[in-house]
Amino acid sequence: MSNLKFTFCILQFAALLSGCAMWQPPKVPEYNPQPTAEQRAWWEANKHKAHHVPGRGFYVEGVSGFFDENGRPMASVSGKEGVVDEYNADDERLISEKKLKRGAKKLVGRGPNETKARAAYDRGDQLFRAGEYEDAARQFFIAYDRWPDSPLEEDALYMAGEANFFADRYQPSDDAYGLLLKKYPGTTRLDKVVNRRFAIARYWELKHAADPHWPVTPNFTDKTRPWFDTAGHAIKVYERIRLDDPTGPLADDATMATANFYFVNRRYEDADYFYGLLRSEFPKSEFQYPAHLLGLQAKLLKYQGPDYDGKPLEEAADLSKQLLAQFPTELGADRERIVKMQSEVRRGQAMREFALGEYYHRGEHYGASKMFFNNVARLYPDTELAKQSLARIEEVRTLPDEPKDNFEWLTGLFPESRKLGPSVARVPNKSTMR
């Protein structure tokens, strides 16, 4: 019986080897380095309409597949022209997440299908023209879903965003626009998309101001608002506008809107950051003057007093000088207001010095307290605290600089340290170097 089992194992192993020998790796189709005369003529006639997709090639409206810079159909490992494989020989991942999703869709009958995608797009276009925007949006999404990475995909995403926008369903509209810019950052519709998204963000911001809700409060009735956190979604859209189109006409508008939102909601730290961002990143913006003026106010409002960081006061002092120097004609009635702010800044700086003097005064360290009181009188002579500082100095003029040591008898019991002089070596003088 044992010999029989051994013989059976040998036969199985031989069959396995023969199967391995018969298997051949898939052949990569040869790529013709020279385009045909027909391809050259077609490419010359349609090259101006080609749109480049990074990592895929060029595509021409109404033509299936992708082409290289010479108009030749892109060949893949699978041998299908116009298809770009997900697999990359240099990539260690054998199966990508996108492939898994596509495989799952194929199993349920929802794999890529150009015919169904175009039919859904045409149906969506008819519904859109008829004013049935919600139904049109569903058809455009089907067109996008059934033919991914195709010439039709960009149009389908854009029209899905448009249809949802006119249906007042702003959350799915913004989602479609966001996906469009993520997959096609160089789209020719960038300006239109940015304008739509700015209008959506502005609407959400005003909606929250008129009817505020907690961020975690769900929305089940208003289709114009997101499910949660309307204001947070507005700020996020403003940010995407600034990042997706940083040199566009609405980038500074979005930054200013973000700063104003935080200012109105008393989040002065965030407001100060975005006002500063606008001043530095958009020097030619029409909002430069209000960004300087409101930024100055934000710095003063975020300052928490003499017991906290004094950097906001220092920055406010510099910013007030910039305002008076850079906007002499725009100031108008605001000039007096800025001068009052400067006085407020100086009073805050004087208060910091005075508070330190008071601290040492309470501990009877009169030498240190007189130093800070002198700073107030010398640096801020136009403030009321300067008079109080001079009075404090007169009070302690005859008192010792340091308080009496009540434990002198105890410290006298311990010998003084034998270490004389500083612990860092001194530089030798000329006499010792001779």
Protein backbone atom coordinates (compact mmCIF):
# COMPACT_ATOMS: atom_id res chain seq x y z
CA MET A 1 0.00 0.00 0.00
CA SER A 2 2.85 2.39 0.83
CA ASN A 3 4.48 1.75 -2.57
CA LEU A 4 1.17 2.53 -4.24
CA LYS A 5 0.88 5.89 -2.41
CA PHE A 6 4.46 6.77 -3.35
CA THR A 7 3.83 5.98 -7.03
CA PHE A 8 0.64 8.08 -6.99
CA CYS A 9 2.52 11.10 -5.54
CA ILE A 10 5.22 10.78 -8.23
CA LEU A 11 2.57 10.82 -10.96
CA GLN A 12 0.92 13.92 -9.48
CA PHE A 13 4.25 15.76 -9.29
CA ALA A 14 5.03 14.85 -12.93
CA ALA A 15 1.64 16.14 -14.05
CA LEU A 16 2.26 19.41 -12.21
CA LEU A 17 5.62 19.86 -13.92
CA SER A 18 4.16 19.18 -17.33
CA GLY A 19 1.45 21.76 -16.68
CA CYS A 20 4.04 24.37 -15.69
CA ALA A 21 6.00 23.63 -18.86
CA MET A 22 2.92 24.09 -21.00
CA TRP A 23 2.06 27.48 -19.42
CA GLN A 24 3.33 30.50 -21.30
CA PRO A 25 3.28 34.09 -20.02
CA PRO A 26 0.94 36.45 -21.85
CA LYS A 27 2.53 38.14 -24.80
CA VAL A 28 2.70 41.88 -24.81
CA PRO A 29 1.51 43.11 -28.20
CA GLU A 30 4.15 44.79 -30.26
CA TYR A 31 3.72 48.53 -30.50
CA ASN A 32 4.09 49.96 -33.99
CA PRO A 33 6.63 52.80 -33.70
CA GLN A 34 5.44 54.47 -36.91
CA PRO A 35 1.84 55.70 -37.41
CA THR A 36 0.09 54.85 -40.64
CA ALA A 37 -0.70 57.49 -43.24
CA GLU A 38 -4.37 57.29 -42.27
CA GLN A 39 -3.52 57.80 -38.59
CA ARG A 40 -1.31 60.79 -39.40
CA ALA A 41 -4.04 62.43 -41.48
CA TRP A 42 -6.68 61.83 -38.81
CA TRP A 43 -4.41 63.16 -36.05
CA GLU A 44 -3.61 66.35 -37.98
CA ALA A 45 -7.33 66.99 -38.38
CA ASN A 46 -8.25 66.30 -34.75
CA LYS A 47 -5.15 67.16 -32.75
CA HIS A 48 -6.49 70.59 -31.80
CA LYS A 49 -9.48 68.94 -30.11
CA ALA A 50 -7.39 66.43 -28.12
CA HIS A 51 -7.43 66.66 -24.34
CA HIS A 52 -4.56 65.18 -22.33
CA VAL A 53 -5.26 62.98 -19.33
CA PRO A 54 -2.15 62.42 -17.14
CA GLY A 55 -1.18 58.74 -17.05
CA ARG A 56 -3.59 57.79 -19.83
CA GLY A 57 -2.85 59.80 -22.96
CA PHE A 58 -4.89 62.02 -25.26
CA TYR A 59 -8.55 61.63 -26.09
CA VAL A 60 -10.72 63.25 -28.73
CA GLU A 61 -14.36 64.09 -28.11
CA GLY A 62 -16.63 61.40 -29.58
CA VAL A 63 -13.82 58.88 -30.18
CA SER A 64 -13.29 55.84 -27.95
CA GLY A 65 -9.94 55.22 -26.33
CA PHE A 66 -6.75 57.16 -25.75
CA PHE A 67 -3.94 58.11 -28.12
CA ASP A 68 -0.28 59.06 -27.84
CA GLU A 69 1.30 62.32 -28.99
CA ASN A 70 1.46 61.00 -32.59
CA GLY A 71 -2.19 59.97 -32.75
CA ARG A 72 -1.60 56.24 -32.38
CA PRO A 73 -4.04 54.24 -30.21
CA MET A 74 -2.54 53.40 -26.83
CA ALA A 75 -1.93 49.64 -26.55
CA SER A 76 -2.16 47.78 -23.26
CA VAL A 77 -0.87 44.49 -21.92
CA SER A 78 -4.33 43.10 -22.50
CA GLY A 79 -3.98 43.93 -26.19
CA LYS A 80 -6.94 46.32 -26.31
CA GLU A 81 -6.29 49.66 -27.92
CA GLY A 82 -7.39 52.71 -25.95
CA VAL A 83 -7.22 50.91 -22.61
CA VAL A 84 -4.61 51.77 -20.00
CA ASP A 85 -3.92 48.92 -17.60
CA GLU A 86 -4.03 49.57 -13.89
CA TYR A 87 -1.13 47.19 -13.36
CA ASN A 88 2.33 48.69 -13.43
CA ALA A 89 5.34 46.39 -13.65
CA ASP A 90 7.23 48.61 -11.25
CA ASP A 91 4.38 48.55 -8.75
CA GLU A 92 4.48 45.83 -6.11
CA ARG A 93 0.71 45.84 -5.76
CA LEU A 94 -0.65 43.15 -8.08
CA ILE A 95 -4.31 44.10 -7.60
CA SER A 96 -5.32 47.70 -7.08
CA GLU A 97 -8.32 48.87 -5.14
CA LYS A 98 -9.83 50.27 -8.32
CA LYS A 99 -9.57 46.88 -10.02
CA LEU A 100 -11.34 45.22 -7.14
CA LYS A 101 -14.20 47.72 -7.36
CA ARG A 102 -14.49 47.24 -11.10
CA GLY A 103 -14.46 43.48 -10.68
CA ALA A 104 -17.25 43.69 -8.13
CA LYS A 105 -19.32 45.86 -10.49
CA LYS A 106 -18.85 43.36 -13.31
CA LEU A 107 -20.13 40.57 -11.10
CA VAL A 108 -23.42 42.41 -10.57
CA GLY A 109 -23.74 43.53 -14.18
CA ARG A 110 -22.55 47.10 -13.70
CA GLY A 111 -19.19 46.93 -15.45
CA PRO A 112 -17.96 49.51 -17.99
CA ASN A 113 -20.29 49.78 -20.94
CA GLU A 114 -19.87 52.57 -23.46
CA THR A 115 -23.25 52.01 -25.09
CA LYS A 116 -25.19 52.25 -21.84
CA ALA A 117 -23.09 55.20 -20.69
CA ARG A 118 -23.79 57.20 -23.85
CA ALA A 119 -27.47 56.29 -23.71
CA ALA A 120 -27.68 57.48 -20.09
CA TYR A 121 -25.86 60.72 -20.99
CA ASP A 122 -28.23 61.41 -23.88
CA ARG A 123 -31.21 60.69 -21.65
CA GLY A 124 -29.79 63.00 -18.98
CA ASP A 125 -29.30 65.74 -21.56
CA GLN A 126 -32.95 65.46 -22.62
CA LEU A 127 -34.16 65.61 -19.02
CA PHE A 128 -31.89 68.57 -18.29
CA ARG A 129 -33.30 70.54 -21.22
CA ALA A 130 -36.80 69.69 -20.01
CA GLY A 131 -36.04 71.10 -16.56
CA GLU A 132 -36.21 67.72 -14.78
CA TYR A 133 -32.92 68.27 -13.05
CA GLU A 134 -33.00 65.57 -10.36
CA ASP A 135 -33.71 62.81 -12.88
CA ALA A 136 -31.10 64.28 -15.22
CA ALA A 137 -28.50 64.20 -12.44
CA ARG A 138 -29.14 60.48 -11.89
CA GLN A 139 -28.65 59.75 -15.59
CA PHE A 140 -25.43 61.77 -15.76
CA PHE A 141 -24.10 59.87 -12.76
CA ILE A 142 -24.94 56.57 -14.46
CA ALA A 143 -23.01 57.75 -17.53
CA TYR A 144 -20.00 58.57 -15.35
CA ASP A 145 -20.23 55.28 -13.48
CA ARG A 146 -20.66 53.03 -16.54
CA TRP A 147 -17.73 54.40 -18.57
CA PRO A 148 -14.94 55.49 -16.20
CA ASP A 149 -11.68 57.01 -17.46
CA SER A 150 -13.27 57.84 -20.80
CA PRO A 151 -13.82 60.98 -22.89
CA LEU A 152 -17.40 60.99 -21.62
CA GLU A 153 -16.49 60.94 -17.93
CA GLU A 154 -15.52 64.61 -17.62
CA ASP A 155 -18.71 65.79 -19.31
CA ALA A 156 -20.87 63.47 -17.22
CA LEU A 157 -19.36 64.70 -13.94
CA TYR A 158 -19.76 68.33 -14.91
CA MET A 159 -23.36 67.89 -16.00
CA ALA A 160 -24.16 65.90 -12.83
CA GLY A 161 -22.92 68.88 -10.83
CA GLU A 162 -24.94 71.29 -12.97
CA ALA A 163 -28.14 69.26 -12.76
CA ASN A 164 -27.91 68.95 -8.98
CA PHE A 165 -27.12 72.65 -8.71
CA PHE A 166 -30.30 73.65 -10.59
CA ALA A 167 -32.24 71.09 -8.55
CA ASP A 168 -31.07 72.94 -5.40
CA ARG A 169 -29.30 69.80 -4.19
CA TYR A 170 -26.08 71.56 -3.34
CA GLN A 171 -24.27 68.81 -1.45
CA PRO A 172 -24.28 66.25 -4.32
CA SER A 173 -23.59 69.12 -6.70
CA ASP A 174 -20.45 70.09 -4.80
CA ASP A 175 -19.44 66.42 -4.58
CA ALA A 176 -19.64 66.08 -8.37
CA TYR A 177 -17.66 69.29 -8.93
CA GLY A 178 -15.05 68.17 -6.41
CA LEU A 179 -14.63 64.79 -8.11
CA LEU A 180 -14.37 66.51 -11.48
CA LEU A 181 -11.51 68.74 -10.32
CA LYS A 182 -9.80 65.84 -8.58
CA LYS A 183 -9.74 63.69 -11.73
CA TYR A 184 -9.36 66.54 -14.25
CA PRO A 185 -7.54 69.43 -12.53
CA GLY A 186 -6.80 71.02 -15.91
CA THR A 187 -10.39 70.99 -17.10
CA THR A 188 -11.50 73.85 -19.33
CA ARG A 189 -14.55 74.25 -17.11
CA LEU A 190 -12.50 75.27 -14.06
CA ASP A 191 -13.80 78.86 -13.95
CA LYS A 192 -17.43 77.75 -14.17
CA VAL A 193 -16.97 75.11 -11.48
CA VAL A 194 -15.23 77.54 -9.13
CA ASN A 195 -18.04 80.07 -9.56
CA ARG A 196 -20.64 77.42 -8.79
CA ARG A 197 -18.80 76.19 -5.71
CA PHE A 198 -18.33 79.72 -4.40
CA ALA A 199 -22.07 80.35 -4.76
CA ILE A 200 -22.78 77.10 -2.86
CA ALA A 201 -20.37 77.97 -0.05
CA ARG A 202 -21.77 81.48 0.22
CA TYR A 203 -25.32 80.14 0.41
CA TRP A 204 -24.37 77.67 3.16
CA GLU A 205 -22.59 80.39 5.12
CA LEU A 206 -25.59 82.73 4.98
CA LYS A 207 -27.98 79.87 5.72
CA HIS A 208 -26.04 79.03 8.87
CA ALA A 209 -25.98 82.69 9.93
CA ALA A 210 -29.77 82.96 9.52
CA ASP A 211 -30.58 79.58 11.07
CA PRO A 212 -27.60 78.25 13.07
CA HIS A 213 -27.41 74.63 14.19
CA TRP A 214 -24.92 72.56 16.13
CA PRO A 215 -22.47 70.76 13.81
CA VAL A 216 -23.78 67.37 14.97
CA THR A 217 -27.44 68.24 14.44
CA PRO A 218 -28.71 66.13 11.50
CA ASN A 219 -30.61 67.69 8.62
CA PHE A 220 -33.52 65.62 7.32
CA THR A 221 -35.74 68.26 5.71
CA ASP A 222 -33.68 70.85 3.80
CA LYS A 223 -32.19 69.42 0.60
CA THR A 224 -30.14 72.57 0.04
CA ARG A 225 -27.98 71.89 3.10
CA PRO A 226 -25.59 69.03 3.93
CA TRP A 227 -26.57 66.31 6.38
CA PHE A 228 -24.39 67.84 9.10
CA ASP A 229 -22.36 70.98 9.84
CA THR A 230 -23.49 73.46 7.18
CA ALA A 231 -20.95 76.11 8.21
CA GLY A 232 -18.10 73.61 8.28
CA HIS A 233 -18.93 72.49 4.74
CA ALA A 234 -18.96 76.12 3.58
CA ILE A 235 -15.48 76.72 5.00
CA LYS A 236 -14.22 73.51 3.42
CA VAL A 237 -15.50 74.58 -0.01
CA TYR A 238 -13.82 77.98 0.39
CA GLU A 239 -10.58 76.16 1.13
CA ARG A 240 -10.93 73.92 -1.93
CA ILE A 241 -11.48 76.98 -4.13
CA ARG A 242 -8.26 78.53 -2.82
CA LEU A 243 -6.28 75.30 -3.32
CA ASP A 244 -7.79 74.14 -6.63
CA ASP A 245 -7.51 77.53 -8.34
CA PRO A 246 -4.95 79.56 -6.35
CA THR A 247 -4.44 82.13 -9.12
CA GLY A 248 -8.10 82.34 -10.10
CA PRO A 249 -10.34 85.38 -9.65
CA LEU A 250 -12.14 83.94 -6.60
CA ALA A 251 -9.18 82.61 -4.61
CA ASP A 252 -8.81 85.83 -2.63
CA ASP A 253 -12.60 86.11 -2.25
CA ALA A 254 -12.70 82.64 -0.69
CA THR A 255 -9.83 83.49 1.66
CA MET A 256 -11.48 86.74 2.73
CA ALA A 257 -14.83 85.00 3.23
CA THR A 258 -13.15 82.42 5.47
CA ALA A 259 -11.43 85.10 7.55
CA ASN A 260 -14.66 87.09 7.93
CA PHE A 261 -16.58 83.98 8.99
CA TYR A 262 -14.11 83.30 11.79
CA PHE A 263 -14.08 86.97 12.81
CA VAL A 264 -17.89 87.16 13.05
CA ASN A 265 -17.93 83.94 15.07
CA ARG A 266 -15.26 85.32 17.47
CA ARG A 267 -12.59 82.85 16.47
CA TYR A 268 -10.00 85.60 16.31
CA GLU A 269 -6.96 83.32 16.16
CA ASP A 270 -8.23 81.70 12.95
CA ALA A 271 -9.42 85.03 11.56
CA ASP A 272 -5.99 86.57 12.13
CA TYR A 273 -4.35 83.66 10.28
CA PHE A 274 -6.52 83.99 7.17
CA TYR A 275 -6.28 87.80 7.09
CA GLY A 276 -2.51 87.36 7.20
CA LEU A 277 -2.70 84.71 4.48
CA LEU A 278 -4.59 87.09 2.21
CA ARG A 279 -2.11 89.92 2.86
CA SER A 280 0.85 87.70 1.97
CA GLU A 281 -0.52 85.43 -0.79
CA PHE A 282 -2.67 87.94 -2.69
CA PRO A 283 -0.76 91.26 -2.69
CA LYS A 284 -2.85 92.66 -5.58
CA SER A 285 -6.20 91.72 -4.10
CA GLU A 286 -8.91 94.33 -3.72
CA PHE A 287 -9.27 93.12 -0.12
CA GLN A 288 -5.81 94.24 0.98
CA TYR A 289 -7.07 97.26 2.93
CA PRO A 290 -9.89 95.47 4.83
CA ALA A 291 -7.53 92.54 5.45
CA HIS A 292 -5.08 94.94 7.12
CA LEU A 293 -7.76 96.77 9.10
CA LEU A 294 -9.67 93.69 10.27
CA GLY A 295 -6.41 91.83 10.85
CA LEU A 296 -5.37 94.61 13.25
CA GLN A 297 -8.66 94.25 15.12
CA ALA A 298 -8.31 90.47 15.23
CA LYS A 299 -4.84 90.74 16.79
CA LEU A 300 -6.11 93.10 19.48
CA LEU A 301 -9.12 90.91 20.21
CA LYS A 302 -7.12 87.71 20.49
CA TYR A 303 -4.72 89.30 22.99
CA GLN A 304 -5.68 87.94 26.42
CA GLY A 305 -3.92 90.32 28.78
CA PRO A 306 -0.55 91.01 30.44
CA ASP A 307 -0.33 87.50 31.91
CA TYR A 308 -0.25 85.92 28.44
CA ASP A 309 1.86 86.05 25.29
CA GLY A 310 2.58 89.59 24.12
CA LYS A 311 3.31 88.71 20.49
CA PRO A 312 -0.16 89.84 19.26
CA LEU A 313 0.57 93.34 20.58
CA GLU A 314 3.93 93.48 18.82
CA GLU A 315 2.34 92.34 15.54
CA ALA A 316 -0.54 94.81 15.99
CA ALA A 317 1.94 97.66 16.44
CA ASP A 318 3.71 96.75 13.19
CA LEU A 319 0.43 96.29 11.32
CA SER A 320 -0.91 99.69 12.40
CA LYS A 321 2.23 101.35 11.04
CA GLN A 322 1.78 99.48 7.73
CA LEU A 323 -1.81 100.68 7.51
CA LEU A 324 -0.88 104.33 7.92
CA ALA A 325 2.02 104.01 5.47
CA GLN A 326 0.46 101.89 2.69
CA PHE A 327 -3.10 103.22 2.58
CA PRO A 328 -2.92 106.99 3.06
CA THR A 329 -5.81 107.66 0.63
CA GLU A 330 -8.05 104.74 1.62
CA LEU A 331 -8.05 105.51 5.34
CA GLY A 332 -10.46 108.42 5.38
CA ALA A 333 -12.52 108.31 8.57
CA ASP A 334 -10.70 105.16 9.66
CA ARG A 335 -7.50 107.12 10.33
CA GLU A 336 -8.75 108.30 13.71
CA ARG A 337 -9.86 104.77 14.48
CA ILE A 338 -6.41 103.38 13.71
CA VAL A 339 -4.74 106.05 15.86
CA LYS A 340 -6.97 104.94 18.75
CA MET A 341 -5.92 101.33 18.10
CA GLN A 342 -2.28 102.40 18.25
CA SER A 343 -2.95 104.02 21.61
CA GLU A 344 -4.62 100.81 22.76
CA VAL A 345 -1.58 98.82 21.65
CA ARG A 346 0.79 101.13 23.52
CA ARG A 347 -1.35 100.95 26.63
CA GLY A 348 -1.30 97.13 26.42
CA GLN A 349 2.48 97.09 26.09
CA ALA A 350 2.82 99.52 29.01
CA MET A 351 0.50 97.35 31.08
CA ARG A 352 2.77 94.35 30.53
CA GLU A 353 5.78 96.23 31.89
CA PHE A 354 3.74 97.70 34.74
CA ALA A 355 2.37 94.25 35.69
CA LEU A 356 5.92 92.91 35.97
CA GLY A 357 6.88 95.88 38.15
CA GLU A 358 3.87 95.21 40.40
CA TYR A 359 4.84 91.55 40.68
CA TYR A 360 8.31 92.36 42.00
CA HIS A 361 6.93 95.22 44.11
CA ARG A 362 4.65 92.80 45.98
CA GLY A 363 7.63 90.55 46.70
CA GLU A 364 9.67 93.55 48.00
CA HIS A 365 12.23 93.11 45.21
CA TYR A 366 12.31 96.84 44.76
CA GLY A 367 15.40 96.90 42.58
CA ALA A 368 13.68 94.81 39.90
CA SER A 369 10.36 96.65 40.29
CA LYS A 370 12.04 100.04 39.80
CA MET A 371 13.63 98.78 36.58
CA PHE A 372 10.22 97.87 35.06
CA PHE A 373 8.56 101.03 36.35
CA ASN A 374 11.35 103.05 34.78
CA ASN A 375 10.71 101.24 31.46
CA VAL A 376 7.07 102.30 31.56
CA ALA A 377 7.92 105.93 32.29
CA ARG A 378 10.64 106.02 29.62
CA LEU A 379 8.97 104.08 26.78
CA TYR A 380 5.35 105.09 27.30
CA PRO A 381 5.40 108.61 28.79
CA ASP A 382 2.04 109.49 27.18
CA THR A 383 0.13 106.85 29.13
CA GLU A 384 -1.55 107.09 32.53
CA LEU A 385 0.56 104.16 33.71
CA ALA A 386 3.70 106.30 33.34
CA LYS A 387 2.48 108.58 36.15
CA GLN A 388 1.62 105.59 38.34
CA SER A 389 5.06 104.09 37.70
CA LEU A 390 6.84 107.27 38.79
CA ALA A 391 4.73 107.31 41.94
CA ARG A 392 5.70 103.70 42.67
CA ILE A 393 9.40 104.54 42.26
CA GLU A 394 9.08 107.41 44.76
CA GLU A 395 7.40 105.10 47.28
CA VAL A 396 10.37 102.71 47.42
CA ARG A 397 13.24 105.08 46.72
CA THR A 398 14.68 104.74 50.25
CA LEU A 399 13.93 101.01 50.62
CA PRO A 400 16.52 98.29 49.95
CA ASP A 401 16.59 96.69 46.51
CA GLU A 402 16.25 93.17 47.96
CA PRO A 403 14.06 91.96 50.86
CA LYS A 404 15.61 91.10 54.23
CA ASP A 405 16.78 87.50 54.53
CA ASN A 406 14.87 86.12 57.54
CA PHE A 407 16.85 82.87 57.39
CA GLU A 408 20.30 84.42 57.44
CA TRP A 409 21.16 82.50 60.63
CA LEU A 410 20.39 79.26 58.78
CA THR A 411 22.32 80.00 55.63
CA GLY A 412 25.31 81.03 57.77
CA LEU A 413 25.62 77.49 59.06
CA PHE A 414 26.61 76.22 55.62
CA PRO A 415 30.06 76.97 54.20
CA GLU A 416 30.34 78.98 51.02
CA SER A 417 31.19 77.21 47.82
CA ARG A 418 34.87 76.93 47.06
CA LYS A 419 34.24 77.33 43.39
CA LEU A 420 35.45 80.81 42.57
CA GLY A 421 34.72 82.62 39.35
CA PRO A 422 32.60 81.56 36.41
CA SER A 423 32.42 77.95 35.32
CA VAL A 424 33.34 78.92 31.72
CA ALA A 425 37.05 79.29 31.09
CA ARG A 426 38.25 82.87 30.65
CA VAL A 427 40.18 84.10 27.64
CA PRO A 428 43.79 84.70 28.74
CA ASN A 429 44.97 88.31 28.67
CA LYS A 430 48.17 89.56 27.04
CA SER A 431 50.23 89.34 30.23
CA THR A 432 49.56 85.64 30.67
CA MET A 433 50.23 84.90 27.02
CA ARG A 434 53.78 86.26 27.16
